[in-house]
Amino acid sequence: MDLEARSLQPNVKAVLLAKLREYKSDLNNLKSEHKRLASANSNQAARDDLLESGMADAMSVSANQRGRLMMSTERLNESSDRIKESRRTMLETEELGVSILQDLHQQRQSLLHANDTKEQLHGVDDNISKSKKILTNMSRRMSRNKWIISSIIVVLIVAIGLILYFKLSK
C-alpha cells in the first residue's frame, strides 16, 4: 500500500500516506497489546473480553477502511470518466482541426486558381484593348471612306450636271 500511495498524485498522496501512518500505528498498538495478552495467559475471562473488544474494533476499523476504499474507488471511477470525456473532447477537437485545415487548403487552391484566372483575364483584357484599337481604326477608315465616296458622288453629280447644262445649253 505504501508504494501505491507514493505513486499517486501529490494532493492524494499526502492524505493517503497520513492514513497509512495512522493504520501502521494502530497495527503496532494492536500487536503490542496482543503480545501483552498472549504473555499474560493467566486470566481467560480477560482474554475473552479483549478478543471480543478487539473483534469489535477490527470490525469497526474494517468497516471504516471499507468505506474509505469505496470512496477511493468512486473517486477513481469519476476520474476515469473525466479522462474518458477529456479524451473524447480531444478527439472531437482534433477532427474539427483536420476539417478546418482541409477547408483552408481548398480555399488556398481556390485563391491560387483565381490568381491564375486573373492573369488569364489580364491577357484577355490586353486582347480586348487591341481589338478596340483595331475597331476604332476600322471605324475611322470607314468614316473617311464614306466622306471620300460622298465627295466623289457629289463631284460626279456636279460634273453630270455641268455636262448636261453645257449640252442642253448649246
C-alpha atoms as a PDB file:
ATOM      1  CA  MET A   1       0.000   0.000   0.000  1.00  0.00           C
ATOM      2  CA  ASP A   2       2.862   2.316   0.810  1.00  0.00           C
ATOM      3  CA  LEU A   3       4.292   2.016  -2.719  1.00  0.00           C
ATOM      4  CA  GLU A   4       0.891   2.515  -4.313  1.00  0.00           C
ATOM      5  CA  ALA A   5       0.245   5.622  -2.207  1.00  0.00           C
ATOM      6  CA  ARG A   6       3.645   7.093  -3.134  1.00  0.00           C
ATOM      7  CA  SER A   7       2.967   6.630  -6.866  1.00  0.00           C
ATOM      8  CA  LEU A   8      -0.237   8.732  -6.812  1.00  0.00           C
ATOM      9  CA  GLN A   9      -0.664  12.454  -7.412  1.00  0.00           C
ATOM     10  CA  PRO A  10       0.798  14.767  -4.712  1.00  0.00           C
ATOM     11  CA  ASN A  11      -2.538  16.031  -3.376  1.00  0.00           C
ATOM     12  CA  VAL A  12      -3.936  12.486  -2.949  1.00  0.00           C
ATOM     13  CA  LYS A  13      -0.571  11.066  -1.889  1.00  0.00           C
ATOM     14  CA  ALA A  14      -0.264  13.235   1.239  1.00  0.00           C
ATOM     15  CA  VAL A  15      -3.711  12.228   2.508  1.00  0.00           C
ATOM     16  CA  LEU A  16      -3.168   8.531   1.850  1.00  0.00           C
ATOM     17  CA  LEU A  17       0.301   8.496   3.447  1.00  0.00           C
ATOM     18  CA  ALA A  18      -1.110  10.133   6.597  1.00  0.00           C
ATOM     19  CA  LYS A  19      -3.853   7.495   6.767  1.00  0.00           C
ATOM     20  CA  LEU A  20      -1.277   4.764   6.175  1.00  0.00           C
ATOM     21  CA  ARG A  21       0.859   6.014   9.077  1.00  0.00           C
ATOM     22  CA  GLU A  22      -2.246   6.033  11.266  1.00  0.00           C
ATOM     23  CA  TYR A  23      -3.058   2.467  10.269  1.00  0.00           C
ATOM     24  CA  LYS A  24       0.522   1.359  10.931  1.00  0.00           C
ATOM     25  CA  SER A  25       0.470   2.899  14.407  1.00  0.00           C
ATOM     26  CA  ASP A  26      -2.909   1.206  15.097  1.00  0.00           C
ATOM     27  CA  LEU A  27      -1.431  -2.077  13.886  1.00  0.00           C
ATOM     28  CA  ASN A  28       1.642  -1.678  16.102  1.00  0.00           C
ATOM     29  CA  ASN A  29      -0.582  -0.873  19.094  1.00  0.00           C
ATOM     30  CA  LEU A  30      -2.692  -3.946  18.407  1.00  0.00           C
ATOM     31  CA  LYS A  31       0.415  -6.123  18.041  1.00  0.00           C
ATOM     32  CA  SER A  32       1.866  -4.905  21.325  1.00  0.00           C
ATOM     33  CA  GLU A  33      -1.454  -5.450  23.058  1.00  0.00           C
ATOM     34  CA  HIS A  34      -1.648  -8.900  21.532  1.00  0.00           C
ATOM     35  CA  LYS A  35       1.814  -9.775  22.808  1.00  0.00           C
ATOM     36  CA  ARG A  36       0.959  -8.482  26.265  1.00  0.00           C
ATOM     37  CA  LEU A  37      -2.202 -10.534  26.364  1.00  0.00           C
ATOM     38  CA  ALA A  38      -0.543 -13.626  24.945  1.00  0.00           C
ATOM     39  CA  SER A  39       2.183 -13.465  27.583  1.00  0.00           C
ATOM     40  CA  ALA A  40      -0.310 -12.824  30.338  1.00  0.00           C
ATOM     41  CA  ASN A  41      -2.191 -16.045  29.749  1.00  0.00           C
ATOM     42  CA  SER A  42      -3.409 -16.136  33.342  1.00  0.00           C
ATOM     43  CA  ASN A  43      -6.883 -14.743  33.077  1.00  0.00           C
ATOM     44  CA  GLN A  44      -9.065 -16.433  30.443  1.00  0.00           C
ATOM     45  CA  ALA A  45     -12.048 -14.132  31.027  1.00  0.00           C
ATOM     46  CA  ALA A  46      -9.928 -11.032  30.446  1.00  0.00           C
ATOM     47  CA  ARG A  47      -8.614 -12.682  27.374  1.00  0.00           C
ATOM     48  CA  ASP A  48     -12.116 -13.378  26.076  1.00  0.00           C
ATOM     49  CA  ASP A  49     -13.145  -9.754  26.791  1.00  0.00           C
ATOM     50  CA  LEU A  50     -10.112  -8.481  24.929  1.00  0.00           C
ATOM     51  CA  LEU A  51     -10.807 -10.701  21.952  1.00  0.00           C
ATOM     52  CA  GLU A  52     -14.403  -9.554  21.786  1.00  0.00           C
ATOM     53  CA  SER A  53     -13.429  -5.875  22.024  1.00  0.00           C
ATOM     54  CA  GLY A  54     -10.606  -6.460  19.527  1.00  0.00           C
ATOM     55  CA  MET A  55     -13.032  -8.056  17.124  1.00  0.00           C
ATOM     56  CA  ALA A  56     -15.427  -5.151  17.542  1.00  0.00           C
ATOM     57  CA  ASP A  57     -12.537  -2.731  16.963  1.00  0.00           C
ATOM     58  CA  ALA A  58     -11.351  -4.777  13.990  1.00  0.00           C
ATOM     59  CA  MET A  59     -14.863  -4.820  12.561  1.00  0.00           C
ATOM     60  CA  SER A  60     -15.253  -1.057  13.000  1.00  0.00           C
ATOM     61  CA  VAL A  61     -11.771  -0.452  11.557  1.00  0.00           C
ATOM     62  CA  SER A  62     -12.568  -2.853   8.733  1.00  0.00           C
ATOM     63  CA  ALA A  63     -15.864  -1.096   8.057  1.00  0.00           C
ATOM     64  CA  ASN A  64     -14.082   2.264   8.196  1.00  0.00           C
ATOM     65  CA  GLN A  65     -11.405   1.016   5.813  1.00  0.00           C
ATOM     66  CA  ARG A  66     -14.045  -0.470   3.546  1.00  0.00           C
ATOM     67  CA  GLY A  67     -15.873   2.879   3.462  1.00  0.00           C
ATOM     68  CA  ARG A  68     -12.640   4.688   2.657  1.00  0.00           C
ATOM     69  CA  LEU A  69     -11.850   2.136  -0.013  1.00  0.00           C
ATOM     70  CA  MET A  70     -15.309   2.584  -1.538  1.00  0.00           C
ATOM     71  CA  MET A  71     -14.847   6.381  -1.565  1.00  0.00           C
ATOM     72  CA  SER A  72     -11.424   5.998  -3.160  1.00  0.00           C
ATOM     73  CA  THR A  73     -12.828   3.628  -5.763  1.00  0.00           C
ATOM     74  CA  GLU A  74     -15.654   6.051  -6.504  1.00  0.00           C
ATOM     75  CA  ARG A  75     -13.195   8.926  -6.905  1.00  0.00           C
ATOM     76  CA  LEU A  76     -11.068   6.764  -9.180  1.00  0.00           C
ATOM     77  CA  ASN A  77     -14.103   5.908 -11.324  1.00  0.00           C
ATOM     78  CA  GLU A  78     -15.067   9.589 -11.524  1.00  0.00           C
ATOM     79  CA  SER A  79     -11.516  10.457 -12.549  1.00  0.00           C
ATOM     80  CA  SER A  80     -11.597   7.725 -15.184  1.00  0.00           C
ATOM     81  CA  ASP A  81     -14.880   9.104 -16.513  1.00  0.00           C
ATOM     82  CA  ARG A  82     -13.415  12.615 -16.670  1.00  0.00           C
ATOM     83  CA  ILE A  83     -10.360  11.289 -18.502  1.00  0.00           C
ATOM     84  CA  LYS A  84     -12.583   9.453 -21.000  1.00  0.00           C
ATOM     85  CA  GLU A  85     -14.658  12.613 -21.527  1.00  0.00           C
ATOM     86  CA  SER A  86     -11.498  14.685 -21.981  1.00  0.00           C
ATOM     87  CA  ARG A  87     -10.160  12.163 -24.479  1.00  0.00           C
ATOM     88  CA  ARG A  88     -13.439  12.245 -26.415  1.00  0.00           C
ATOM     89  CA  THR A  89     -13.368  16.045 -26.432  1.00  0.00           C
ATOM     90  CA  MET A  90      -9.748  15.968 -27.590  1.00  0.00           C
ATOM     91  CA  LEU A  91     -10.620  13.613 -30.472  1.00  0.00           C
ATOM     92  CA  GLU A  92     -13.554  15.821 -31.498  1.00  0.00           C
ATOM     93  CA  THR A  93     -11.290  18.877 -31.397  1.00  0.00           C
ATOM     94  CA  GLU A  94      -8.692  17.066 -33.485  1.00  0.00           C
ATOM     95  CA  GLU A  95     -11.327  16.107 -36.076  1.00  0.00           C
ATOM     96  CA  LEU A  96     -12.539  19.700 -36.166  1.00  0.00           C
ATOM     97  CA  GLY A  97      -8.948  20.904 -36.646  1.00  0.00           C
ATOM     98  CA  VAL A  98      -8.414  18.480 -39.527  1.00  0.00           C
ATOM     99  CA  SER A  99     -11.663  19.638 -41.120  1.00  0.00           C
ATOM    100  CA  ILE A 100     -10.636  23.287 -40.789  1.00  0.00           C
ATOM    101  CA  LEU A 101      -7.220  22.539 -42.304  1.00  0.00           C
ATOM    102  CA  GLN A 102      -8.884  20.810 -45.257  1.00  0.00           C
ATOM    103  CA  ASP A 103     -11.190  23.806 -45.763  1.00  0.00           C
ATOM    104  CA  LEU A 104      -8.215  26.156 -45.631  1.00  0.00           C
ATOM    105  CA  HIS A 105      -6.380  24.023 -48.186  1.00  0.00           C
ATOM    106  CA  GLN A 106      -9.375  24.155 -50.532  1.00  0.00           C
ATOM    107  CA  GLN A 107      -9.633  27.917 -50.091  1.00  0.00           C
ATOM    108  CA  ARG A 108      -5.898  28.257 -50.815  1.00  0.00           C
ATOM    109  CA  GLN A 109      -6.329  26.243 -54.001  1.00  0.00           C
ATOM    110  CA  SER A 110      -9.271  28.452 -54.985  1.00  0.00           C
ATOM    111  CA  LEU A 111      -7.210  31.575 -54.410  1.00  0.00           C
ATOM    112  CA  LEU A 112      -4.316  30.192 -56.439  1.00  0.00           C
ATOM    113  CA  HIS A 113      -6.724  29.276 -59.234  1.00  0.00           C
ATOM    114  CA  ALA A 114      -8.265  32.749 -59.025  1.00  0.00           C
ATOM    115  CA  ASN A 115      -4.774  34.250 -59.343  1.00  0.00           C
ATOM    116  CA  ASP A 116      -4.172  32.163 -62.478  1.00  0.00           C
ATOM    117  CA  THR A 117      -7.571  33.257 -63.798  1.00  0.00           C
ATOM    118  CA  LYS A 118      -6.642  36.867 -63.035  1.00  0.00           C
ATOM    119  CA  GLU A 119      -3.505  36.514 -65.139  1.00  0.00           C
ATOM    120  CA  GLN A 120      -5.580  34.988 -67.937  1.00  0.00           C
ATOM    121  CA  LEU A 121      -8.046  37.868 -67.630  1.00  0.00           C
ATOM    122  CA  HIS A 122      -5.183  40.337 -67.988  1.00  0.00           C
ATOM    123  CA  GLY A 123      -4.304  38.581 -71.254  1.00  0.00           C
ATOM    124  CA  VAL A 124      -7.938  38.781 -72.368  1.00  0.00           C
ATOM    125  CA  ASP A 125      -8.046  42.440 -71.342  1.00  0.00           C
ATOM    126  CA  ASP A 126      -4.956  43.123 -73.481  1.00  0.00           C
ATOM    127  CA  ASN A 127      -6.597  41.349 -76.412  1.00  0.00           C
ATOM    128  CA  ILE A 128      -9.789  43.388 -75.932  1.00  0.00           C
ATOM    129  CA  SER A 129      -7.744  46.596 -75.890  1.00  0.00           C
ATOM    130  CA  LYS A 130      -6.056  45.608 -79.154  1.00  0.00           C
ATOM    131  CA  SER A 131      -9.427  44.699 -80.684  1.00  0.00           C
ATOM    132  CA  LYS A 132     -10.849  48.059 -79.585  1.00  0.00           C
ATOM    133  CA  LYS A 133      -7.973  49.903 -81.261  1.00  0.00           C
ATOM    134  CA  ILE A 134      -8.441  47.878 -84.442  1.00  0.00           C
ATOM    135  CA  LEU A 135     -12.204  48.557 -84.458  1.00  0.00           C
ATOM    136  CA  THR A 136     -11.589  52.263 -83.834  1.00  0.00           C
ATOM    137  CA  ASN A 137      -9.160  52.392 -86.739  1.00  0.00           C
ATOM    138  CA  MET A 138     -11.634  50.494 -88.932  1.00  0.00           C
ATOM    139  CA  SER A 139     -14.386  52.923 -87.934  1.00  0.00           C
ATOM    140  CA  ARG A 140     -12.195  55.893 -88.800  1.00  0.00           C
ATOM    141  CA  ARG A 141     -11.268  54.378 -92.167  1.00  0.00           C
ATOM    142  CA  MET A 142     -14.924  53.605 -92.819  1.00  0.00           C
ATOM    143  CA  SER A 143     -15.914  57.190 -91.993  1.00  0.00           C
ATOM    144  CA  ARG A 144     -13.097  58.516 -94.154  1.00  0.00           C
ATOM    145  CA  ASN A 145     -14.102  56.190 -96.994  1.00  0.00           C
ATOM    146  CA  LYS A 146     -17.723  57.409 -96.662  1.00  0.00           C
ATOM    147  CA  TRP A 147     -16.553  61.016 -96.948  1.00  0.00           C
ATOM    148  CA  ILE A 148     -14.374  60.179 -99.906  1.00  0.00           C
ATOM    149  CA  ILE A 149     -17.203  58.266-101.642  1.00  0.00           C
ATOM    150  CA  SER A 150     -19.671  61.032-100.803  1.00  0.00           C
ATOM    151  CA  SER A 151     -17.226  63.615-102.188  1.00  0.00           C
ATOM    152  CA  ILE A 152     -16.753  61.560-105.362  1.00  0.00           C
ATOM    153  CA  ILE A 153     -20.544  61.209-105.755  1.00  0.00           C
ATOM    154  CA  VAL A 154     -21.013  64.946-105.284  1.00  0.00           C
ATOM    155  CA  VAL A 155     -18.218  65.700-107.774  1.00  0.00           C
ATOM    156  CA  LEU A 156     -19.776  63.241-110.283  1.00  0.00           C
ATOM    157  CA  ILE A 157     -23.247  64.757-109.830  1.00  0.00           C
ATOM    158  CA  VAL A 158     -21.811  68.233-110.305  1.00  0.00           C
ATOM    159  CA  ALA A 159     -19.868  67.014-113.367  1.00  0.00           C
ATOM    160  CA  ILE A 160     -23.018  65.361-114.808  1.00  0.00           C
ATOM    161  CA  GLY A 161     -24.976  68.489-114.061  1.00  0.00           C
ATOM    162  CA  LEU A 162     -22.364  70.654-115.816  1.00  0.00           C
ATOM    163  CA  ILE A 163     -22.199  68.285-118.768  1.00  0.00           C
ATOM    164  CA  LEU A 164     -25.980  68.360-119.097  1.00  0.00           C
ATOM    165  CA  TYR A 165     -26.058  72.083-118.714  1.00  0.00           C
ATOM    166  CA  PHE A 166     -23.476  72.582-121.429  1.00  0.00           C
ATOM    167  CA  LYS A 167     -25.043  70.001-123.720  1.00  0.00           C
ATOM    168  CA  LEU A 168     -28.506  71.346-123.329  1.00  0.00           C
ATOM    169  CA  SER A 169     -27.494  74.971-123.495  1.00  0.00           C
ATOM    170  CA  LYS A 170     -25.861  74.702-126.927  1.00  0.00           C
END
